Amino acid sequence: MDDQSVDYSRKWYVLAAVGMGIFLSTIDGSIVNIALPYLETSFDTEFALVQWVVLAYLLVVSTLMLGVGRLADMVGKKPLYTAGFIIFTIGSVLAGLSPTIYWLIGFRVLQALGAVLLLALGMGIITEAFPAFERGMALGISGALVSVGIVVGPTLGGILINLSSWRLIFYVNLPIGILGTIMAVRYIPSIKPPGGQRFDFGGAAALLISLLSFSFALTAGQDRGFTDPIILTLFALFLLFLIIFIAIEWRVEQPMVDLRLFNNSRFNVGLSTGFITFVAIAGTVILMPFYLGNVLGYSAIQVGLLMAVVPLTLGVFAPLSGSLSDRFGTRPITVIGLIVLVVGYLALSTLQVDTSALGFVLRFLPIGIGMGVFQSPNNSAIMGSASRWNLGIVSGMLAATRTMGQTTGVALLGAIWATRVFAHAGEIISGGASAAPAQAQVSALHDTFVIMTVIIILALVMAIWALVQERRGQPVTSVEPPSSQ
């Protein structure tokens, strides 16, 4: 990845510019979660409609990542990233001004279009801006901002709503968006990709339909049930168009995703384990406010402060683990991080109806430490497997696994928890799972966190296998750029 022609003197300014974009776009994917009850009241509507304020954002972000990554490899990252800041900032202000719930959902889609450009390209820009021996540290800082954004959203949202109203959670993006745009224009290097490249419209369309079907199936399945014929049809469409996409990518001369990337075990394991950890943490972030508010009776501000345990520990451990991975290699550090996560999810499975604030913090702490230790070296391993010509698409794939992990985690683990609540309550509660007796909710949490633990153990086994392969000296497969003929 090193190139002597690259000017590394502005690397920290580049990191600051990208960091603001990553933090803004990630935090806005979760900050609205805590505002949903207030939106329901403010617009005098039902939750089934209000939830699309969150779902519309996640659907757009999840489905367009890879297309944006490939486009950046063709036209350059700087103009697209700068446009992302502008679109996101305008969308934020308009969202805060929304007169109806329908306008708010529409402006959230606009926000998401800007967020796609920021999230998909951030890792690639940072990888270009730093030399290889500092990549882990730089990606550690940016990776910390991603996870902090996901988890700190509800915290900040609770504080802002109590200070003023839900509209403030959108207006707060304006000054950061303006500053980020200025820094992007001034400091992000303008690197021109080689010419003669063509966009794979067929592959992009097939992938879009596949991911949309998958995302709709996950989100709609929470209400209709995952055995509903419509949901099963959506899953079938997801598989069908995924197969079509793969067939197209093997055949076209300049594919959107070069499938030879998947010959690299470091790349495969990195994406897979990263996806699994984000499934788990997204489910945790959705469920914990219900436990803290409904069961333990804490206010929105108290819930936000208790949830801040994870971002605080992430902020400390992510850059540290990134620096350690620059010295000792990525794989051993990721294994350590996953071990800590296993301990954390096992600890959360012991929460009770009368757990103290300190008891909750001590159980929640290993989640932040484990994610911080794991994520930075894992991101470094993935980006380090990319050549300069495909940094955009690899960065997009990394971001896509993160957002798809969030969507999957919210839908899957939320559904598991609700199902187990009804099972422990012995009946279907008319007010939903959150209206069930406290003990039924907590018992369901125990079941859900045990399942999360099993999922993380699966990721740990994969990481250990990759470490063993690495120790045996298995060669890393390199990929030549596609022909531009």
Protein backbone atom coordinates (compact mmCIF):
# COMPACT_ATOMS: atom_id res chain seq x y z
CA MET A 1 0.00 0.00 0.00
CA ASP A 2 2.94 2.38 0.44
CA ASP A 3 3.65 4.85 -2.34
CA GLN A 4 6.58 7.22 -2.22
CA SER A 5 4.61 9.77 -4.29
CA VAL A 6 2.03 10.20 -1.51
CA ASP A 7 2.40 13.26 0.75
CA TYR A 8 1.92 12.03 4.31
CA SER A 9 2.53 15.45 5.92
CA ARG A 10 -1.22 16.25 6.07
CA LYS A 11 -2.31 12.86 7.35
CA TRP A 12 -3.67 14.10 10.68
CA TYR A 13 -5.76 16.79 9.00
CA VAL A 14 -7.13 14.14 6.65
CA LEU A 15 -7.95 11.93 9.62
CA ALA A 16 -9.73 14.83 11.36
CA ALA A 17 -11.82 15.57 8.27
CA VAL A 18 -12.75 11.93 7.72
CA GLY A 19 -13.31 11.42 11.44
CA MET A 20 -15.96 14.12 11.54
CA GLY A 21 -17.74 12.57 8.58
CA ILE A 22 -17.63 9.06 10.00
CA PHE A 23 -18.82 10.20 13.41
CA LEU A 24 -21.65 12.35 12.02
CA SER A 25 -23.02 9.74 9.64
CA THR A 26 -22.71 6.87 12.11
CA ILE A 27 -24.19 8.68 15.09
CA ASP A 28 -27.20 9.73 13.05
CA GLY A 29 -27.97 6.10 12.33
CA SER A 30 -28.64 5.58 16.03
CA ILE A 31 -29.37 8.97 17.63
CA VAL A 32 -32.98 8.87 16.46
CA ASN A 33 -33.67 5.58 18.29
CA ILE A 34 -34.22 7.27 21.63
CA ALA A 35 -36.39 9.97 20.03
CA LEU A 36 -38.96 7.57 18.58
CA PRO A 37 -41.44 7.82 21.50
CA TYR A 38 -41.25 11.63 21.32
CA LEU A 39 -41.77 11.59 17.54
CA GLU A 40 -44.79 9.33 18.01
CA THR A 41 -46.31 11.88 20.39
CA SER A 42 -45.21 14.99 18.48
CA PHE A 43 -46.70 13.84 15.17
CA ASP A 44 -49.66 12.02 16.79
CA THR A 45 -48.96 8.84 14.85
CA GLU A 46 -48.23 5.15 15.45
CA PHE A 47 -44.91 3.39 16.04
CA ALA A 48 -45.33 1.34 12.85
CA LEU A 49 -44.90 4.58 10.87
CA VAL A 50 -42.43 6.31 13.18
CA GLN A 51 -39.96 3.41 12.99
CA TRP A 52 -39.40 4.24 9.31
CA VAL A 53 -37.49 7.32 10.43
CA VAL A 54 -34.78 4.85 11.45
CA LEU A 55 -35.41 2.10 8.91
CA ALA A 56 -35.40 4.38 5.85
CA TYR A 57 -31.97 5.69 6.84
CA LEU A 58 -30.53 2.22 7.41
CA LEU A 59 -32.00 0.80 4.21
CA VAL A 60 -30.46 3.51 2.02
CA VAL A 61 -27.09 3.30 3.73
CA SER A 62 -26.99 -0.50 3.64
CA THR A 63 -27.87 -0.90 -0.02
CA LEU A 64 -25.78 1.81 -1.72
CA MET A 65 -22.38 1.32 -0.03
CA LEU A 66 -20.76 -0.91 -2.64
CA GLY A 67 -21.92 1.13 -5.62
CA VAL A 68 -20.44 4.27 -4.07
CA GLY A 69 -17.17 2.46 -3.34
CA ARG A 70 -16.80 1.32 -6.93
CA LEU A 71 -17.74 4.79 -8.26
CA ALA A 72 -15.00 6.32 -6.07
CA ASP A 73 -12.42 3.99 -7.61
CA MET A 74 -13.47 5.40 -10.98
CA VAL A 75 -13.83 9.17 -10.38
CA GLY A 76 -11.85 9.72 -7.16
CA LYS A 77 -12.80 9.82 -3.49
CA LYS A 78 -12.47 13.54 -2.67
CA PRO A 79 -15.36 14.95 -4.76
CA LEU A 80 -17.76 12.25 -3.59
CA TYR A 81 -16.74 12.59 0.06
CA THR A 82 -17.11 16.38 -0.01
CA ALA A 83 -20.53 16.04 -1.65
CA GLY A 84 -21.47 13.64 1.13
CA PHE A 85 -20.80 16.31 3.78
CA ILE A 86 -22.91 18.88 1.92
CA ILE A 87 -25.86 16.55 1.29
CA PHE A 88 -25.81 15.23 4.86
CA THR A 89 -25.72 18.71 6.40
CA ILE A 90 -28.60 19.99 4.25
CA GLY A 91 -30.61 16.85 5.00
CA SER A 92 -30.04 17.32 8.74
CA VAL A 93 -31.36 20.89 8.77
CA LEU A 94 -34.39 19.93 6.66
CA ALA A 95 -35.11 16.96 8.94
CA GLY A 96 -35.18 19.30 11.95
CA LEU A 97 -37.66 21.55 10.12
CA SER A 98 -39.99 18.68 9.12
CA PRO A 99 -43.69 19.63 9.49
CA THR A 100 -44.97 16.04 9.26
CA ILE A 101 -43.70 12.51 9.83
CA TYR A 102 -43.71 11.89 6.07
CA TRP A 103 -41.47 14.88 5.41
CA LEU A 104 -39.15 13.68 8.18
CA ILE A 105 -38.84 10.22 6.61
CA GLY A 106 -38.11 11.81 3.24
CA PHE A 107 -35.40 14.09 4.64
CA ARG A 108 -33.90 11.12 6.48
CA VAL A 109 -33.49 9.47 3.08
CA LEU A 110 -31.65 12.60 1.90
CA GLN A 111 -29.46 12.44 5.00
CA ALA A 112 -28.72 8.81 4.27
CA LEU A 113 -27.58 9.60 0.72
CA GLY A 114 -24.95 11.90 2.21
CA ALA A 115 -24.08 9.36 4.88
CA VAL A 116 -23.43 6.68 2.24
CA LEU A 117 -20.76 8.84 0.62
CA LEU A 118 -19.11 9.53 3.98
CA LEU A 119 -19.23 6.01 5.41
CA ALA A 120 -18.30 4.14 2.25
CA LEU A 121 -15.14 6.15 1.52
CA GLY A 122 -13.73 7.12 4.92
CA MET A 123 -11.58 4.03 5.47
CA GLY A 124 -10.16 4.18 1.94
CA ILE A 125 -9.16 7.85 2.30
CA ILE A 126 -7.43 7.18 5.63
CA THR A 127 -5.61 4.13 4.25
CA GLU A 128 -4.22 6.29 1.43
CA ALA A 129 -3.26 9.13 3.78
CA PHE A 130 -1.14 7.05 6.21
CA PRO A 131 1.93 4.85 5.67
CA ALA A 132 1.44 1.12 6.23
CA PHE A 133 3.29 1.09 9.57
CA GLU A 134 0.76 3.58 11.02
CA ARG A 135 -2.36 2.18 9.35
CA GLY A 136 -3.57 0.25 12.39
CA MET A 137 -3.36 3.29 14.65
CA ALA A 138 -5.15 5.55 12.15
CA LEU A 139 -7.89 3.04 11.43
CA GLY A 140 -8.11 2.43 15.18
CA ILE A 141 -9.02 6.06 15.75
CA SER A 142 -11.54 6.06 12.90
CA GLY A 143 -12.92 2.68 13.95
CA ALA A 144 -13.42 4.01 17.46
CA LEU A 145 -15.45 6.86 16.02
CA VAL A 146 -17.68 4.42 14.12
CA SER A 147 -18.49 2.38 17.21
CA VAL A 148 -18.72 5.44 19.43
CA GLY A 149 -21.17 6.94 16.93
CA ILE A 150 -23.36 3.85 16.98
CA VAL A 151 -23.48 3.65 20.76
CA VAL A 152 -23.30 7.32 21.75
CA GLY A 153 -26.30 8.22 19.57
CA PRO A 154 -28.89 7.24 22.19
CA THR A 155 -26.82 8.94 24.91
CA LEU A 156 -26.56 12.26 23.11
CA GLY A 157 -30.14 11.98 21.88
CA GLY A 158 -31.46 11.64 25.42
CA ILE A 159 -29.54 14.70 26.60
CA LEU A 160 -30.58 16.91 23.66
CA ILE A 161 -34.25 15.90 23.86
CA ASN A 162 -34.34 16.74 27.57
CA LEU A 163 -32.66 20.09 26.90
CA SER A 164 -35.02 21.14 24.13
CA SER A 165 -36.90 18.89 21.68
CA TRP A 166 -36.29 16.12 19.16
CA ARG A 167 -35.50 18.74 16.49
CA LEU A 168 -32.22 19.59 18.23
CA ILE A 169 -30.79 16.15 17.43
CA PHE A 170 -30.75 17.20 13.76
CA TYR A 171 -29.74 20.86 14.14
CA VAL A 172 -26.63 19.88 16.11
CA ASN A 173 -25.16 18.45 12.88
CA LEU A 174 -25.05 21.86 11.15
CA PRO A 175 -21.83 23.37 12.61
CA ILE A 176 -19.95 20.07 12.42
CA GLY A 177 -21.12 19.54 8.84
CA ILE A 178 -19.94 22.99 7.75
CA LEU A 179 -16.55 22.55 9.41
CA GLY A 180 -16.18 19.06 7.96
CA THR A 181 -16.93 20.29 4.44
CA ILE A 182 -14.29 23.02 4.72
CA MET A 183 -11.69 20.54 6.00
CA ALA A 184 -12.54 17.98 3.31
CA VAL A 185 -12.07 20.58 0.55
CA ARG A 186 -8.81 21.81 2.04
CA TYR A 187 -7.03 18.69 3.25
CA ILE A 188 -8.26 15.50 1.57
CA PRO A 189 -5.87 14.75 -1.31
CA SER A 190 -7.28 14.67 -4.83
CA ILE A 191 -5.95 11.39 -6.26
CA LYS A 192 -7.01 10.68 -9.82
CA PRO A 193 -7.79 7.03 -10.60
CA PRO A 194 -6.65 5.54 -13.91
CA GLY A 195 -9.01 6.31 -16.81
CA GLY A 196 -10.84 3.96 -19.13
CA GLN A 197 -12.95 2.34 -16.40
CA ARG A 198 -16.61 1.40 -16.80
CA PHE A 199 -19.31 1.08 -14.17
CA ASP A 200 -20.93 -2.33 -13.85
CA PHE A 201 -24.60 -1.28 -14.03
CA GLY A 202 -25.90 -4.85 -14.32
CA GLY A 203 -24.03 -6.01 -11.24
CA ALA A 204 -24.99 -2.88 -9.31
CA ALA A 205 -28.69 -3.37 -10.11
CA ALA A 206 -28.65 -7.05 -9.11
CA LEU A 207 -26.86 -6.27 -5.85
CA LEU A 208 -29.25 -3.40 -5.07
CA ILE A 209 -32.31 -5.63 -5.51
CA SER A 210 -30.66 -8.38 -3.45
CA LEU A 211 -29.74 -6.12 -0.54
CA LEU A 212 -33.07 -4.27 -0.61
CA SER A 213 -34.94 -7.57 -0.48
CA PHE A 214 -32.81 -8.75 2.44
CA SER A 215 -33.20 -5.49 4.36
CA PHE A 216 -36.96 -5.31 3.78
CA ALA A 217 -37.33 -8.93 4.85
CA LEU A 218 -35.49 -8.23 8.11
CA THR A 219 -37.37 -5.04 8.93
CA ALA A 220 -40.87 -6.12 7.86
CA GLY A 221 -40.34 -9.56 9.37
CA GLN A 222 -40.36 -8.07 12.86
CA ASP A 223 -44.04 -7.16 12.46
CA ARG A 224 -45.32 -9.83 10.05
CA GLY A 225 -43.26 -12.74 11.36
CA PHE A 226 -40.37 -14.37 9.53
CA THR A 227 -42.50 -17.25 8.26
CA ASP A 228 -44.96 -14.90 6.51
CA PRO A 229 -45.17 -15.72 2.74
CA ILE A 230 -44.20 -12.16 1.78
CA ILE A 231 -41.12 -12.27 4.01
CA LEU A 232 -40.11 -15.68 2.66
CA THR A 233 -40.53 -14.34 -0.87
CA LEU A 234 -38.24 -11.41 -0.05
CA PHE A 235 -35.58 -13.78 1.30
CA ALA A 236 -35.92 -15.86 -1.89
CA LEU A 237 -35.44 -12.72 -4.00
CA PHE A 238 -32.37 -11.86 -1.94
CA LEU A 239 -30.79 -15.26 -2.72
CA LEU A 240 -31.86 -15.22 -6.39
CA PHE A 241 -30.40 -11.79 -7.15
CA LEU A 242 -27.29 -12.52 -5.08
CA ILE A 243 -26.65 -15.51 -7.36
CA ILE A 244 -27.33 -13.33 -10.41
CA PHE A 245 -24.91 -10.71 -9.07
CA ILE A 246 -22.15 -13.30 -8.58
CA ALA A 247 -22.73 -14.67 -12.09
CA ILE A 248 -22.45 -11.16 -13.55
CA GLU A 249 -19.29 -10.38 -11.59
CA TRP A 250 -17.56 -13.52 -12.90
CA ARG A 251 -18.47 -12.65 -16.48
CA VAL A 252 -17.90 -8.89 -16.89
CA GLU A 253 -14.50 -7.47 -17.69
CA GLN A 254 -14.64 -4.71 -15.07
CA PRO A 255 -16.82 -6.02 -12.22
CA MET A 256 -18.16 -3.86 -9.43
CA VAL A 257 -16.67 -6.33 -6.93
CA ASP A 258 -13.65 -8.36 -8.02
CA LEU A 259 -14.52 -11.77 -6.58
CA ARG A 260 -10.85 -12.71 -6.47
CA LEU A 261 -10.64 -10.58 -3.34
CA PHE A 262 -12.35 -13.45 -1.53
CA ASN A 263 -9.35 -15.70 -2.24
CA ASN A 264 -7.65 -13.81 0.58
CA SER A 265 -8.44 -15.49 3.93
CA ARG A 266 -7.48 -12.34 5.84
CA PHE A 267 -10.12 -10.43 3.89
CA ASN A 268 -12.81 -13.13 4.28
CA VAL A 269 -12.33 -13.66 8.00
CA GLY A 270 -12.09 -9.93 8.65
CA LEU A 271 -15.39 -9.15 6.94
CA SER A 272 -17.18 -12.15 8.48
CA THR A 273 -16.07 -11.57 12.06
CA GLY A 274 -16.68 -7.83 11.76
CA PHE A 275 -20.22 -8.47 10.57
CA ILE A 276 -20.88 -10.81 13.49
CA THR A 277 -19.65 -8.35 16.11
CA PHE A 278 -21.84 -5.58 14.71
CA VAL A 279 -24.88 -7.87 14.69
CA ALA A 280 -24.28 -8.44 18.40
CA ILE A 281 -23.57 -4.86 19.44
CA ALA A 282 -26.49 -3.43 17.42
CA GLY A 283 -28.86 -5.85 19.13
CA THR A 284 -27.37 -4.91 22.50
CA VAL A 285 -27.77 -1.17 21.90
CA ILE A 286 -31.44 -1.65 20.93
CA LEU A 287 -32.28 -3.87 23.94
CA MET A 288 -30.42 -2.11 26.73
CA PRO A 289 -32.59 1.06 26.81
CA PHE A 290 -35.67 -1.16 27.29
CA TYR A 291 -33.98 -2.91 30.22
CA LEU A 292 -32.66 0.27 31.81
CA GLY A 293 -35.89 2.23 31.30
CA ASN A 294 -38.68 -0.35 31.62
CA VAL A 295 -37.14 -2.72 34.17
CA LEU A 296 -34.79 -0.56 36.26
CA GLY A 297 -36.82 2.65 35.84
CA TYR A 298 -34.04 5.06 34.83
CA SER A 299 -34.79 8.35 33.03
CA ALA A 300 -33.69 9.09 29.45
CA ILE A 301 -30.62 11.02 30.66
CA GLN A 302 -29.66 8.25 33.10
CA VAL A 303 -30.06 5.64 30.37
CA GLY A 304 -27.87 7.71 28.07
CA LEU A 305 -25.15 8.10 30.70
CA LEU A 306 -25.13 4.37 31.53
CA MET A 307 -24.95 3.50 27.83
CA ALA A 308 -21.89 5.78 27.57
CA VAL A 309 -19.78 3.02 29.17
CA VAL A 310 -19.15 1.42 25.80
CA PRO A 311 -18.13 4.54 23.83
CA LEU A 312 -15.80 5.67 26.60
CA THR A 313 -13.94 2.36 26.69
CA LEU A 314 -13.93 2.17 22.90
CA GLY A 315 -12.34 5.59 22.71
CA VAL A 316 -9.49 4.39 24.90
CA PHE A 317 -8.88 0.88 23.56
CA ALA A 318 -9.44 1.23 19.81
CA PRO A 319 -6.42 3.47 19.04
CA LEU A 320 -4.30 1.48 21.51
CA SER A 321 -5.12 -1.86 19.90
CA GLY A 322 -4.54 -0.34 16.45
CA SER A 323 -1.03 0.71 17.48
CA LEU A 324 -0.37 -2.74 18.98
CA SER A 325 -1.47 -4.39 15.74
CA ASP A 326 1.08 -2.27 13.84
CA ARG A 327 3.76 -3.85 16.04
CA PHE A 328 2.55 -7.40 16.64
CA GLY A 329 0.22 -8.11 13.73
CA THR A 330 -3.53 -7.82 13.40
CA ARG A 331 -4.70 -11.38 14.04
CA PRO A 332 -3.46 -11.96 17.64
CA ILE A 333 -5.07 -8.69 18.77
CA THR A 334 -8.42 -9.52 17.14
CA VAL A 335 -8.46 -12.88 18.92
CA ILE A 336 -7.92 -11.16 22.27
CA GLY A 337 -10.72 -8.71 21.53
CA LEU A 338 -13.17 -11.50 20.68
CA ILE A 339 -12.28 -13.36 23.90
CA VAL A 340 -13.13 -10.23 25.90
CA LEU A 341 -16.42 -9.93 24.00
CA VAL A 342 -17.35 -13.51 24.91
CA VAL A 343 -16.78 -12.64 28.57
CA GLY A 344 -18.88 -9.49 28.19
CA TYR A 345 -21.91 -11.16 26.63
CA LEU A 346 -21.79 -13.93 29.21
CA ALA A 347 -21.76 -11.26 31.91
CA LEU A 348 -24.78 -9.50 30.39
CA SER A 349 -26.69 -12.79 30.50
CA THR A 350 -26.65 -12.48 34.33
CA LEU A 351 -28.57 -9.15 34.52
CA GLN A 352 -31.43 -9.18 37.04
CA VAL A 353 -34.55 -7.12 37.77
CA ASP A 354 -32.70 -5.43 40.65
CA THR A 355 -29.19 -5.05 39.21
CA SER A 356 -27.52 -1.88 40.50
CA ALA A 357 -26.07 0.81 38.25
CA LEU A 358 -22.55 -0.34 39.21
CA GLY A 359 -23.48 -3.96 38.49
CA PHE A 360 -24.71 -2.96 35.03
CA VAL A 361 -21.56 -0.92 34.28
CA LEU A 362 -19.27 -3.79 35.31
CA ARG A 363 -21.17 -6.19 33.04
CA PHE A 364 -21.30 -3.73 30.13
CA LEU A 365 -17.65 -2.67 30.36
CA PRO A 366 -16.15 -5.75 28.59
CA ILE A 367 -18.34 -5.06 25.53
CA GLY A 368 -16.66 -1.70 25.00
CA ILE A 369 -13.19 -3.07 25.74
CA GLY A 370 -13.68 -6.09 23.46
CA MET A 371 -15.04 -4.05 20.55
CA GLY A 372 -12.24 -1.52 20.95
CA VAL A 373 -9.53 -4.19 20.98
CA PHE A 374 -11.07 -6.17 18.09
CA GLN A 375 -12.24 -3.60 15.60
CA SER A 376 -9.09 -1.57 14.86
CA PRO A 377 -6.78 -4.45 13.89
CA ASN A 378 -9.63 -6.14 12.04
CA ASN A 379 -10.22 -3.04 9.92
CA SER A 380 -6.48 -2.76 9.32
CA ALA A 381 -6.32 -6.38 8.13
CA ILE A 382 -9.19 -5.81 5.69
CA MET A 383 -7.86 -2.53 4.27
CA GLY A 384 -4.32 -3.88 4.17
CA SER A 385 -5.47 -6.63 1.81
CA ALA A 386 -6.56 -4.04 -0.78
CA SER A 387 -4.51 -2.52 -3.57
CA ARG A 388 -4.74 1.22 -4.22
CA TRP A 389 -6.91 0.73 -7.29
CA ASN A 390 -9.67 -1.04 -5.28
CA LEU A 391 -9.49 0.86 -1.99
CA GLY A 392 -12.88 2.45 -2.64
CA ILE A 393 -14.76 -0.81 -3.13
CA VAL A 394 -13.02 -2.52 -0.18
CA SER A 395 -13.78 0.48 2.02
CA GLY A 396 -17.38 0.28 0.83
CA MET A 397 -17.55 -3.45 1.57
CA LEU A 398 -16.21 -2.87 5.07
CA ALA A 399 -18.81 -0.17 5.71
CA ALA A 400 -21.56 -2.31 4.16
CA THR A 401 -20.87 -5.25 6.49
CA ARG A 402 -21.06 -2.83 9.40
CA THR A 403 -24.42 -1.33 8.42
CA MET A 404 -25.89 -4.68 7.34
CA GLY A 405 -24.70 -6.06 10.67
CA GLN A 406 -26.61 -3.27 12.43
CA THR A 407 -29.77 -3.92 10.43
CA THR A 408 -29.54 -7.67 10.98
CA GLY A 409 -28.78 -7.29 14.68
CA VAL A 410 -31.70 -4.95 15.34
CA ALA A 411 -34.16 -7.17 13.45
CA LEU A 412 -32.91 -10.61 14.44
CA LEU A 413 -32.03 -10.09 18.09
CA GLY A 414 -34.99 -7.80 18.65
CA ALA A 415 -37.29 -10.52 17.31
CA ILE A 416 -35.59 -13.19 19.42
CA TRP A 417 -35.98 -11.08 22.56
CA ALA A 418 -39.66 -10.34 21.88
CA THR A 419 -40.38 -14.01 21.17
CA ARG A 420 -38.69 -15.11 24.36
CA VAL A 421 -40.53 -12.42 26.38
CA PHE A 422 -43.87 -13.84 25.27
CA ALA A 423 -42.65 -17.37 25.98
CA HIS A 424 -41.65 -16.45 29.54
CA ALA A 425 -44.84 -14.44 30.07
CA GLY A 426 -46.91 -17.39 28.87
CA GLU A 427 -49.00 -15.23 26.54
CA ILE A 428 -48.88 -12.63 23.78
CA ILE A 429 -48.93 -9.22 25.49
CA SER A 430 -51.25 -6.73 23.79
CA GLY A 431 -48.92 -3.81 24.46
CA GLY A 432 -45.91 -5.63 23.03
CA ALA A 433 -42.85 -7.20 24.64
CA SER A 434 -41.91 -3.96 26.45
CA ALA A 435 -45.26 -4.08 28.31
CA ALA A 436 -44.59 -7.57 29.72
CA PRO A 437 -43.72 -8.16 33.40
CA ALA A 438 -40.17 -7.17 34.30
CA GLN A 439 -39.08 -10.72 35.09
CA ALA A 440 -40.25 -11.97 31.68
CA GLN A 441 -38.26 -9.20 29.97
CA VAL A 442 -35.12 -10.01 31.97
CA SER A 443 -35.42 -13.77 31.41
CA ALA A 444 -35.73 -13.09 27.69
CA LEU A 445 -32.58 -10.95 27.89
CA HIS A 446 -30.75 -13.91 29.44
CA ASP A 447 -31.75 -16.12 26.50
CA THR A 448 -30.85 -13.46 23.94
CA PHE A 449 -27.41 -12.77 25.40
CA VAL A 450 -26.63 -16.49 25.53
CA ILE A 451 -27.38 -16.61 21.80
CA MET A 452 -25.15 -13.55 21.29
CA THR A 453 -22.37 -15.33 23.18
CA VAL A 454 -22.63 -18.34 20.86
CA ILE A 455 -22.46 -16.03 17.83
CA ILE A 456 -19.32 -14.32 19.15
CA ILE A 457 -17.74 -17.72 19.91
CA LEU A 458 -18.28 -18.57 16.22
CA ALA A 459 -16.38 -15.43 15.26
CA LEU A 460 -13.64 -16.34 17.75
CA VAL A 461 -13.23 -19.80 16.20
CA MET A 462 -12.88 -18.21 12.75
CA ALA A 463 -10.27 -15.73 14.03
CA ILE A 464 -8.27 -18.49 15.75
CA TRP A 465 -8.33 -20.54 12.53
CA ALA A 466 -7.03 -17.50 10.60
CA LEU A 467 -4.29 -17.00 13.21
CA VAL A 468 -3.20 -20.64 12.89
CA GLN A 469 -3.13 -20.33 9.09
CA GLU A 470 -1.07 -17.15 9.42
CA ARG A 471 1.40 -18.85 11.76
CA ARG A 472 1.80 -21.67 9.24
CA GLY A 473 2.88 -19.10 6.69
CA GLN A 474 -0.06 -19.43 4.32
CA PRO A 475 0.52 -16.91 1.51
CA VAL A 476 -1.79 -13.95 1.04
CA THR A 477 -3.38 -13.85 -2.39
CA SER A 478 -2.90 -10.62 -4.28
CA VAL A 479 -5.24 -9.34 -6.98
CA GLU A 480 -4.22 -7.48 -10.11
CA PRO A 481 -6.31 -4.52 -11.23
CA PRO A 482 -9.02 -5.15 -13.82
CA SER A 483 -8.37 -4.43 -17.44
CA SER A 484 -9.45 -1.04 -18.68
CA GLN A 485 -9.57 -2.17 -22.25
